[in-house]
Amino acid sequence: SRAFRPGGEGGAAALLPLIDMCNHDQAPNARVSASDSRALNLQALRDIAPGEDVTLSYGELPNDFLLLDYGFVVEDNAHDSVTLSFDPGFVEAAKAVANVGSAVDDMKVQAWQARALDRLGLTTQNKEVHMLSVQAEGDPPVDERLLAGIRVLCCTREDLVQAGLHTLGKWTPARTGAWEASVLKTAVGMGLIGLSQFSTSAEEDQRLLAGDASSDMKLAISLRLGKKSVLTRCIQALEARLKDVGDEGDEGVVGAVDAVGAVGAVGAVDA
């Protein structure tokens, strides 16, 4: 618990006497720097008043890592996320939640869709994708691989998914309309499914935190509450973008807008 990772997540841990007594802060007043002799130094970033804590940034780390490696979580952590395993069946379930019709009548992945997913690295064993912490307007609520994969499975034309990851996964694409609306609603559905997996509501978690639970239990509850916050903000960002996306006369998609918005708002609050 006294180890510090100068290289951040994935880097080697080191014992740094005195330096390892500095607590983490997302806006620290000091940093660890390397000298020519390969020694690590503690360097002030501004004037530090007598009696003021000296703080460091342990790195741009999600709460999962901070809890397991350092034993604490950060409220409203900008680097937190919710990890999902990408699967076409999960996407279809999200479409059902969002009232978005399947792109394919038999709900099977077409050969050209499978090829597109393979190019995106979504048919291998490592299919982790993420819903991200939204801190400001315009921040993408999902990572580009997840967004690209949903676009592939919501598409009905092979020629539209020939682009690479950075194009298919772009948060603000050049093309909008019915296809993009169905993509956004499907992502909302994934967020709602994620929220539905928790056995407690946010209000219940707040009551538990205010109660006499053990410190370890309160850390676990804080981690859980943070994940719910990430999902709720993702849903809100997706729904906000839905308002800016036209449906180009697709009655099936247009009819789902209000329903998904209502479900998203209620589901986010209740969960």
C-alpha atoms as a PDB file:
ATOM      1  CA  SER A   1       0.000   0.000   0.000  1.00  0.00           C
ATOM      2  CA  ARG A   2       3.011   2.331   0.297  1.00  0.00           C
ATOM      3  CA  ALA A   3       4.199   1.570  -3.235  1.00  0.00           C
ATOM      4  CA  PHE A   4       4.065   4.273  -5.903  1.00  0.00           C
ATOM      5  CA  ARG A   5       3.976   3.784  -9.670  1.00  0.00           C
ATOM      6  CA  PRO A   6       6.045   6.581 -11.251  1.00  0.00           C
ATOM      7  CA  GLY A   7       5.124   5.266 -14.719  1.00  0.00           C
ATOM      8  CA  GLY A   8       1.375   5.202 -14.040  1.00  0.00           C
ATOM      9  CA  GLU A   9      -0.960   2.273 -14.660  1.00  0.00           C
ATOM     10  CA  GLY A  10       0.946  -0.770 -15.881  1.00  0.00           C
ATOM     11  CA  GLY A  11       4.294   0.617 -14.705  1.00  0.00           C
ATOM     12  CA  ALA A  12       6.533  -0.923 -12.089  1.00  0.00           C
ATOM     13  CA  ALA A  13       5.808  -0.148  -8.452  1.00  0.00           C
ATOM     14  CA  ALA A  14       8.520   1.401  -6.314  1.00  0.00           C
ATOM     15  CA  LEU A  15       9.036   2.236  -2.647  1.00  0.00           C
ATOM     16  CA  LEU A  16       9.747   5.965  -2.386  1.00  0.00           C
ATOM     17  CA  PRO A  17      10.366   6.950   1.248  1.00  0.00           C
ATOM     18  CA  LEU A  18       8.717  10.247   2.208  1.00  0.00           C
ATOM     19  CA  ILE A  19       7.331  10.730  -1.325  1.00  0.00           C
ATOM     20  CA  ASP A  20       4.933   7.842  -0.763  1.00  0.00           C
ATOM     21  CA  MET A  21       3.362   9.784   2.112  1.00  0.00           C
ATOM     22  CA  CYS A  22       1.876  12.311  -0.334  1.00  0.00           C
ATOM     23  CA  ASN A  23      -1.810  11.821  -1.016  1.00  0.00           C
ATOM     24  CA  HIS A  24      -3.391  11.830  -4.462  1.00  0.00           C
ATOM     25  CA  ASP A  25      -5.050  14.957  -5.823  1.00  0.00           C
ATOM     26  CA  GLN A  26      -6.432  15.615  -9.306  1.00  0.00           C
ATOM     27  CA  ALA A  27      -5.001  19.152  -8.992  1.00  0.00           C
ATOM     28  CA  PRO A  28      -1.738  18.466  -7.087  1.00  0.00           C
ATOM     29  CA  ASN A  29       0.722  21.026  -5.778  1.00  0.00           C
ATOM     30  CA  ALA A  30       3.774  18.824  -6.420  1.00  0.00           C
ATOM     31  CA  ARG A  31       5.050  16.206  -8.821  1.00  0.00           C
ATOM     32  CA  VAL A  32       7.631  13.448  -9.027  1.00  0.00           C
ATOM     33  CA  SER A  33      10.400  14.188 -11.520  1.00  0.00           C
ATOM     34  CA  ALA A  34      13.495  12.283 -12.629  1.00  0.00           C
ATOM     35  CA  SER A  35      17.025  13.682 -12.463  1.00  0.00           C
ATOM     36  CA  ASP A  36      20.030  12.898 -14.629  1.00  0.00           C
ATOM     37  CA  SER A  37      21.215  10.441 -11.982  1.00  0.00           C
ATOM     38  CA  ARG A  38      17.985   8.471 -12.431  1.00  0.00           C
ATOM     39  CA  ALA A  39      16.881   9.531  -8.974  1.00  0.00           C
ATOM     40  CA  LEU A  40      13.278  10.566  -8.397  1.00  0.00           C
ATOM     41  CA  ASN A  41      12.663  13.987  -6.894  1.00  0.00           C
ATOM     42  CA  LEU A  42       9.651  15.618  -5.279  1.00  0.00           C
ATOM     43  CA  GLN A  43       9.192  19.003  -6.940  1.00  0.00           C
ATOM     44  CA  ALA A  44       6.723  21.736  -5.932  1.00  0.00           C
ATOM     45  CA  LEU A  45       4.454  23.040  -8.692  1.00  0.00           C
ATOM     46  CA  ARG A  46       3.584  26.214  -6.766  1.00  0.00           C
ATOM     47  CA  ASP A  47       4.211  27.846  -3.410  1.00  0.00           C
ATOM     48  CA  ILE A  48       3.060  25.508  -0.632  1.00  0.00           C
ATOM     49  CA  ALA A  49       1.956  27.169   2.597  1.00  0.00           C
ATOM     50  CA  PRO A  50       3.243  25.977   5.995  1.00  0.00           C
ATOM     51  CA  GLY A  51       0.987  23.190   7.249  1.00  0.00           C
ATOM     52  CA  GLU A  52      -0.523  22.566   3.812  1.00  0.00           C
ATOM     53  CA  ASP A  53      -0.590  18.958   2.571  1.00  0.00           C
ATOM     54  CA  VAL A  54       1.847  18.122  -0.222  1.00  0.00           C
ATOM     55  CA  THR A  55      -0.121  16.270  -2.884  1.00  0.00           C
ATOM     56  CA  LEU A  56       0.682  14.352  -6.050  1.00  0.00           C
ATOM     57  CA  SER A  57      -1.251  13.015  -8.992  1.00  0.00           C
ATOM     58  CA  TYR A  58      -0.906   9.244  -8.968  1.00  0.00           C
ATOM     59  CA  GLY A  59      -1.781   9.300 -12.652  1.00  0.00           C
ATOM     60  CA  GLU A  60      -4.805   9.486 -14.926  1.00  0.00           C
ATOM     61  CA  LEU A  61      -6.268   6.354 -13.391  1.00  0.00           C
ATOM     62  CA  PRO A  62      -9.791   4.898 -13.116  1.00  0.00           C
ATOM     63  CA  ASN A  63     -11.261   4.165  -9.713  1.00  0.00           C
ATOM     64  CA  ASP A  64     -10.931   0.407 -10.238  1.00  0.00           C
ATOM     65  CA  PHE A  65      -7.151   0.798 -10.331  1.00  0.00           C
ATOM     66  CA  LEU A  66      -7.013   3.358  -7.518  1.00  0.00           C
ATOM     67  CA  LEU A  67      -9.050   1.108  -5.228  1.00  0.00           C
ATOM     68  CA  LEU A  68      -7.146  -2.094  -5.934  1.00  0.00           C
ATOM     69  CA  ASP A  69      -3.674  -0.539  -5.968  1.00  0.00           C
ATOM     70  CA  TYR A  70      -3.952   2.329  -3.486  1.00  0.00           C
ATOM     71  CA  GLY A  71      -7.065   1.622  -1.428  1.00  0.00           C
ATOM     72  CA  PHE A  72      -9.209   4.659  -2.224  1.00  0.00           C
ATOM     73  CA  VAL A  73     -11.584   6.005  -4.860  1.00  0.00           C
ATOM     74  CA  VAL A  74     -11.960   9.541  -6.221  1.00  0.00           C
ATOM     75  CA  GLU A  75     -15.406  11.100  -6.353  1.00  0.00           C
ATOM     76  CA  ASP A  76     -16.350  12.287  -9.855  1.00  0.00           C
ATOM     77  CA  ASN A  77     -13.180  10.739 -11.320  1.00  0.00           C
ATOM     78  CA  ALA A  78     -12.681  12.119 -14.842  1.00  0.00           C
ATOM     79  CA  HIS A  79     -10.737   8.981 -15.790  1.00  0.00           C
ATOM     80  CA  ASP A  80     -13.321   6.472 -14.625  1.00  0.00           C
ATOM     81  CA  SER A  81     -15.246   4.296 -17.055  1.00  0.00           C
ATOM     82  CA  VAL A  82     -17.545   1.289 -17.264  1.00  0.00           C
ATOM     83  CA  THR A  83     -16.031  -1.672 -19.079  1.00  0.00           C
ATOM     84  CA  LEU A  84     -18.275  -3.803 -21.291  1.00  0.00           C
ATOM     85  CA  SER A  85     -17.649  -6.883 -23.387  1.00  0.00           C
ATOM     86  CA  PHE A  86     -18.756  -6.190 -26.943  1.00  0.00           C
ATOM     87  CA  ASP A  87     -21.125  -8.812 -28.295  1.00  0.00           C
ATOM     88  CA  PRO A  88     -23.697  -8.646 -31.127  1.00  0.00           C
ATOM     89  CA  GLY A  89     -26.281 -10.250 -28.847  1.00  0.00           C
ATOM     90  CA  PHE A  90     -25.764  -7.462 -26.323  1.00  0.00           C
ATOM     91  CA  VAL A  91     -26.219  -4.875 -29.058  1.00  0.00           C
ATOM     92  CA  GLU A  92     -29.476  -6.550 -30.137  1.00  0.00           C
ATOM     93  CA  ALA A  93     -30.691  -6.531 -26.534  1.00  0.00           C
ATOM     94  CA  ALA A  94     -29.877  -2.814 -26.328  1.00  0.00           C
ATOM     95  CA  LYS A  95     -31.861  -2.237 -29.546  1.00  0.00           C
ATOM     96  CA  ALA A  96     -34.837  -3.941 -27.960  1.00  0.00           C
ATOM     97  CA  VAL A  97     -34.567  -1.779 -24.832  1.00  0.00           C
ATOM     98  CA  ALA A  98     -34.320   1.347 -27.014  1.00  0.00           C
ATOM     99  CA  ASN A  99     -37.161   0.262 -29.315  1.00  0.00           C
ATOM    100  CA  VAL A 100     -34.867   0.242 -32.326  1.00  0.00           C
ATOM    101  CA  GLY A 101     -35.658  -2.335 -34.993  1.00  0.00           C
ATOM    102  CA  SER A 102     -32.979  -4.792 -35.961  1.00  0.00           C
ATOM    103  CA  ALA A 103     -30.969  -3.830 -39.046  1.00  0.00           C
ATOM    104  CA  VAL A 104     -31.416  -7.397 -40.256  1.00  0.00           C
ATOM    105  CA  ASP A 105     -34.771  -9.184 -40.234  1.00  0.00           C
ATOM    106  CA  ASP A 106     -33.402 -12.449 -38.880  1.00  0.00           C
ATOM    107  CA  MET A 107     -31.219 -10.600 -36.338  1.00  0.00           C
ATOM    108  CA  LYS A 108     -28.123 -12.439 -37.557  1.00  0.00           C
ATOM    109  CA  VAL A 109     -24.838 -10.703 -38.211  1.00  0.00           C
ATOM    110  CA  GLN A 110     -24.307 -10.521 -41.965  1.00  0.00           C
ATOM    111  CA  ALA A 111     -20.994 -11.599 -43.484  1.00  0.00           C
ATOM    112  CA  TRP A 112     -20.066  -8.023 -44.395  1.00  0.00           C
ATOM    113  CA  GLN A 113     -20.878  -6.873 -40.853  1.00  0.00           C
ATOM    114  CA  ALA A 114     -18.700  -9.654 -39.434  1.00  0.00           C
ATOM    115  CA  ARG A 115     -15.826  -8.546 -41.672  1.00  0.00           C
ATOM    116  CA  ALA A 116     -16.245  -4.950 -40.518  1.00  0.00           C
ATOM    117  CA  LEU A 117     -16.266  -6.006 -36.868  1.00  0.00           C
ATOM    118  CA  ASP A 118     -13.134  -8.054 -37.455  1.00  0.00           C
ATOM    119  CA  ARG A 119     -11.362  -5.012 -38.894  1.00  0.00           C
ATOM    120  CA  LEU A 120     -12.328  -3.146 -35.730  1.00  0.00           C
ATOM    121  CA  GLY A 121     -10.912  -5.873 -33.497  1.00  0.00           C
ATOM    122  CA  LEU A 122     -14.340  -6.771 -32.145  1.00  0.00           C
ATOM    123  CA  THR A 123     -14.369 -10.457 -33.028  1.00  0.00           C
ATOM    124  CA  THR A 124     -11.255 -11.411 -31.055  1.00  0.00           C
ATOM    125  CA  GLN A 125     -11.112 -12.581 -27.446  1.00  0.00           C
ATOM    126  CA  ASN A 126     -10.194  -9.119 -26.164  1.00  0.00           C
ATOM    127  CA  LYS A 127     -13.379  -7.205 -26.949  1.00  0.00           C
ATOM    128  CA  GLU A 128     -13.373  -4.735 -24.091  1.00  0.00           C
ATOM    129  CA  VAL A 129     -15.134  -1.454 -24.818  1.00  0.00           C
ATOM    130  CA  HIS A 130     -15.952   1.418 -22.491  1.00  0.00           C
ATOM    131  CA  MET A 131     -18.617   3.901 -21.553  1.00  0.00           C
ATOM    132  CA  LEU A 132     -16.681   6.978 -20.469  1.00  0.00           C
ATOM    133  CA  SER A 133     -16.938   9.632 -17.792  1.00  0.00           C
ATOM    134  CA  VAL A 134     -18.507  12.739 -19.325  1.00  0.00           C
ATOM    135  CA  GLN A 135     -17.113  15.855 -17.647  1.00  0.00           C
ATOM    136  CA  ALA A 136     -18.072  18.601 -20.106  1.00  0.00           C
ATOM    137  CA  GLU A 137     -20.455  19.197 -22.976  1.00  0.00           C
ATOM    138  CA  GLY A 138     -19.070  17.626 -26.133  1.00  0.00           C
ATOM    139  CA  ASP A 139     -17.095  14.861 -24.392  1.00  0.00           C
ATOM    140  CA  PRO A 140     -17.682  11.479 -26.087  1.00  0.00           C
ATOM    141  CA  PRO A 141     -19.633   9.203 -23.722  1.00  0.00           C
ATOM    142  CA  VAL A 142     -18.355   5.964 -25.296  1.00  0.00           C
ATOM    143  CA  ASP A 143     -15.024   4.910 -26.729  1.00  0.00           C
ATOM    144  CA  GLU A 144     -14.534   4.788 -30.479  1.00  0.00           C
ATOM    145  CA  ARG A 145     -14.485   0.995 -30.768  1.00  0.00           C
ATOM    146  CA  LEU A 146     -17.857   0.672 -29.060  1.00  0.00           C
ATOM    147  CA  LEU A 147     -19.382   3.429 -31.187  1.00  0.00           C
ATOM    148  CA  ALA A 148     -17.923   1.951 -34.383  1.00  0.00           C
ATOM    149  CA  GLY A 149     -19.222  -1.522 -33.516  1.00  0.00           C
ATOM    150  CA  ILE A 150     -22.734  -0.251 -32.873  1.00  0.00           C
ATOM    151  CA  ARG A 151     -22.670   1.662 -36.161  1.00  0.00           C
ATOM    152  CA  VAL A 152     -21.760  -1.531 -38.010  1.00  0.00           C
ATOM    153  CA  LEU A 153     -24.574  -3.533 -36.415  1.00  0.00           C
ATOM    154  CA  CYS A 154     -27.137  -0.768 -36.983  1.00  0.00           C
ATOM    155  CA  CYS A 155     -26.196  -0.333 -40.641  1.00  0.00           C
ATOM    156  CA  THR A 156     -28.013  -1.848 -43.629  1.00  0.00           C
ATOM    157  CA  ARG A 157     -25.451  -0.964 -46.328  1.00  0.00           C
ATOM    158  CA  GLU A 158     -22.027  -2.517 -46.641  1.00  0.00           C
ATOM    159  CA  ASP A 159     -20.519   0.510 -48.400  1.00  0.00           C
ATOM    160  CA  LEU A 160     -21.130   2.718 -45.357  1.00  0.00           C
ATOM    161  CA  VAL A 161     -18.914   0.653 -43.020  1.00  0.00           C
ATOM    162  CA  GLN A 162     -15.794   0.395 -45.148  1.00  0.00           C
ATOM    163  CA  ALA A 163     -14.049   3.201 -43.254  1.00  0.00           C
ATOM    164  CA  GLY A 164     -11.527   2.653 -40.486  1.00  0.00           C
ATOM    165  CA  LEU A 165     -11.903   2.857 -36.726  1.00  0.00           C
ATOM    166  CA  HIS A 166     -11.263   6.583 -36.380  1.00  0.00           C
ATOM    167  CA  THR A 167     -13.988   7.407 -38.917  1.00  0.00           C
ATOM    168  CA  LEU A 168     -16.601   4.879 -37.778  1.00  0.00           C
ATOM    169  CA  GLY A 169     -15.884   5.674 -34.137  1.00  0.00           C
ATOM    170  CA  LYS A 170     -16.011   9.459 -34.459  1.00  0.00           C
ATOM    171  CA  TRP A 171     -18.355  11.044 -31.924  1.00  0.00           C
ATOM    172  CA  THR A 172     -19.483  13.773 -34.347  1.00  0.00           C
ATOM    173  CA  PRO A 173     -19.702  12.055 -37.764  1.00  0.00           C
ATOM    174  CA  ALA A 174     -20.422  13.799 -41.042  1.00  0.00           C
ATOM    175  CA  ARG A 175     -23.488  11.614 -41.644  1.00  0.00           C
ATOM    176  CA  THR A 176     -26.571  11.962 -39.441  1.00  0.00           C
ATOM    177  CA  GLY A 177     -30.187  10.909 -39.844  1.00  0.00           C
ATOM    178  CA  ALA A 178     -31.983   7.632 -39.159  1.00  0.00           C
ATOM    179  CA  TRP A 179     -28.850   5.476 -39.020  1.00  0.00           C
ATOM    180  CA  GLU A 180     -27.107   7.720 -36.507  1.00  0.00           C
ATOM    181  CA  ALA A 181     -30.286   8.085 -34.434  1.00  0.00           C
ATOM    182  CA  SER A 182     -30.576   4.305 -34.155  1.00  0.00           C
ATOM    183  CA  VAL A 183     -26.897   4.106 -33.143  1.00  0.00           C
ATOM    184  CA  LEU A 184     -27.331   6.659 -30.366  1.00  0.00           C
ATOM    185  CA  LYS A 185     -30.504   5.025 -29.085  1.00  0.00           C
ATOM    186  CA  THR A 186     -28.810   1.629 -29.054  1.00  0.00           C
ATOM    187  CA  ALA A 187     -25.981   3.092 -26.989  1.00  0.00           C
ATOM    188  CA  VAL A 188     -28.605   4.509 -24.603  1.00  0.00           C
ATOM    189  CA  GLY A 189     -30.066   0.999 -24.374  1.00  0.00           C
ATOM    190  CA  MET A 190     -26.661  -0.394 -23.426  1.00  0.00           C
ATOM    191  CA  GLY A 191     -26.361   2.190 -20.673  1.00  0.00           C
ATOM    192  CA  LEU A 192     -29.827   1.338 -19.348  1.00  0.00           C
ATOM    193  CA  ILE A 193     -28.994  -2.367 -19.334  1.00  0.00           C
ATOM    194  CA  GLY A 194     -25.817  -1.545 -17.422  1.00  0.00           C
ATOM    195  CA  LEU A 195     -27.773   0.418 -14.820  1.00  0.00           C
ATOM    196  CA  SER A 196     -30.305  -2.377 -14.473  1.00  0.00           C
ATOM    197  CA  GLN A 197     -27.594  -4.810 -13.353  1.00  0.00           C
ATOM    198  CA  PHE A 198     -27.081  -3.068 -10.013  1.00  0.00           C
ATOM    199  CA  SER A 199     -29.054  -4.439  -7.069  1.00  0.00           C
ATOM    200  CA  THR A 200     -29.333  -1.054  -5.346  1.00  0.00           C
ATOM    201  CA  SER A 201     -30.413   2.435  -6.350  1.00  0.00           C
ATOM    202  CA  ALA A 202     -28.224   5.527  -6.086  1.00  0.00           C
ATOM    203  CA  GLU A 203     -30.379   6.745  -3.192  1.00  0.00           C
ATOM    204  CA  GLU A 204     -29.855   3.462  -1.333  1.00  0.00           C
ATOM    205  CA  ASP A 205     -26.099   3.749  -1.866  1.00  0.00           C
ATOM    206  CA  GLN A 206     -26.124   7.288  -0.455  1.00  0.00           C
ATOM    207  CA  ARG A 207     -27.969   6.062   2.632  1.00  0.00           C
ATOM    208  CA  LEU A 208     -25.462   3.251   3.096  1.00  0.00           C
ATOM    209  CA  LEU A 209     -22.575   5.721   2.841  1.00  0.00           C
ATOM    210  CA  ALA A 210     -24.185   7.896   5.502  1.00  0.00           C
ATOM    211  CA  GLY A 211     -24.712   4.885   7.785  1.00  0.00           C
ATOM    212  CA  ASP A 212     -22.405   2.801   9.926  1.00  0.00           C
ATOM    213  CA  ALA A 213     -21.006   0.505   7.221  1.00  0.00           C
ATOM    214  CA  SER A 214     -17.333  -0.435   7.531  1.00  0.00           C
ATOM    215  CA  SER A 215     -14.725   1.663   5.759  1.00  0.00           C
ATOM    216  CA  ASP A 216     -14.052  -1.157   3.288  1.00  0.00           C
ATOM    217  CA  MET A 217     -17.760  -1.477   2.517  1.00  0.00           C
ATOM    218  CA  LYS A 218     -18.047   2.282   2.003  1.00  0.00           C
ATOM    219  CA  LEU A 219     -15.176   2.150  -0.501  1.00  0.00           C
ATOM    220  CA  ALA A 220     -16.982  -0.584  -2.439  1.00  0.00           C
ATOM    221  CA  ILE A 221     -20.234   1.386  -2.352  1.00  0.00           C
ATOM    222  CA  SER A 222     -18.429   4.534  -3.552  1.00  0.00           C
ATOM    223  CA  LEU A 223     -16.958   2.586  -6.448  1.00  0.00           C
ATOM    224  CA  ARG A 224     -20.408   1.250  -7.363  1.00  0.00           C
ATOM    225  CA  LEU A 225     -21.974   4.700  -7.088  1.00  0.00           C
ATOM    226  CA  GLY A 226     -19.273   6.109  -9.352  1.00  0.00           C
ATOM    227  CA  LYS A 227     -20.074   3.528 -12.038  1.00  0.00           C
ATOM    228  CA  LYS A 228     -23.747   4.475 -11.890  1.00  0.00           C
ATOM    229  CA  SER A 229     -22.779   8.123 -12.274  1.00  0.00           C
ATOM    230  CA  VAL A 230     -20.686   7.308 -15.354  1.00  0.00           C
ATOM    231  CA  LEU A 231     -23.587   5.425 -16.975  1.00  0.00           C
ATOM    232  CA  THR A 232     -26.115   8.131 -16.097  1.00  0.00           C
ATOM    233  CA  ARG A 233     -23.961  10.876 -17.613  1.00  0.00           C
ATOM    234  CA  CYS A 234     -23.360   8.742 -20.711  1.00  0.00           C
ATOM    235  CA  ILE A 235     -27.105   8.338 -21.197  1.00  0.00           C
ATOM    236  CA  GLN A 236     -27.669  12.062 -20.730  1.00  0.00           C
ATOM    237  CA  ALA A 237     -24.952  12.928 -23.275  1.00  0.00           C
ATOM    238  CA  LEU A 238     -26.365  10.441 -25.798  1.00  0.00           C
ATOM    239  CA  GLU A 239     -29.885  11.777 -25.363  1.00  0.00           C
ATOM    240  CA  ALA A 240     -28.648  15.356 -25.745  1.00  0.00           C
ATOM    241  CA  ARG A 241     -27.019  14.439 -29.043  1.00  0.00           C
ATOM    242  CA  LEU A 242     -30.187  12.664 -30.162  1.00  0.00           C
ATOM    243  CA  LYS A 243     -31.964  16.008 -30.111  1.00  0.00           C
ATOM    244  CA  ASP A 244     -29.475  17.325 -32.692  1.00  0.00           C
ATOM    245  CA  VAL A 245     -29.713  14.313 -35.011  1.00  0.00           C
ATOM    246  CA  GLY A 246     -32.420  14.244 -37.716  1.00  0.00           C
ATOM    247  CA  ASP A 247     -34.281  11.058 -38.604  1.00  0.00           C
ATOM    248  CA  GLU A 248     -34.881  11.878 -42.261  1.00  0.00           C
ATOM    249  CA  GLY A 249     -38.443  10.596 -42.248  1.00  0.00           C
ATOM    250  CA  ASP A 250     -37.837   7.165 -40.725  1.00  0.00           C
ATOM    251  CA  GLU A 251     -41.087   6.770 -38.781  1.00  0.00           C
ATOM    252  CA  GLY A 252     -39.877   3.746 -36.837  1.00  0.00           C
ATOM    253  CA  VAL A 253     -36.872   5.607 -35.508  1.00  0.00           C
ATOM    254  CA  VAL A 254     -38.729   8.877 -34.956  1.00  0.00           C
ATOM    255  CA  GLY A 255     -41.368   7.093 -32.921  1.00  0.00           C
ATOM    256  CA  ALA A 256     -38.723   5.778 -30.558  1.00  0.00           C
ATOM    257  CA  VAL A 257     -37.139   9.138 -29.689  1.00  0.00           C
ATOM    258  CA  ASP A 258     -39.558  10.222 -26.965  1.00  0.00           C
ATOM    259  CA  ALA A 259     -39.890   6.710 -25.562  1.00  0.00           C
ATOM    260  CA  VAL A 260     -36.147   6.205 -25.236  1.00  0.00           C
ATOM    261  CA  GLY A 261     -35.705   9.655 -23.740  1.00  0.00           C
ATOM    262  CA  ALA A 262     -38.320   8.991 -21.112  1.00  0.00           C
ATOM    263  CA  VAL A 263     -36.955   5.567 -20.243  1.00  0.00           C
ATOM    264  CA  GLY A 264     -33.433   6.972 -20.062  1.00  0.00           C
ATOM    265  CA  ALA A 265     -34.387   9.769 -17.712  1.00  0.00           C
ATOM    266  CA  VAL A 266     -36.457   7.565 -15.404  1.00  0.00           C
ATOM    267  CA  GLY A 267     -34.011   4.668 -15.510  1.00  0.00           C
ATOM    268  CA  ALA A 268     -31.041   6.876 -14.730  1.00  0.00           C
ATOM    269  CA  VAL A 269     -32.737   8.429 -11.711  1.00  0.00           C
ATOM    270  CA  ASP A 270     -34.126   5.184 -10.315  1.00  0.00           C
ATOM    271  CA  ALA A 271     -30.890   3.274 -10.797  1.00  0.00           C
END
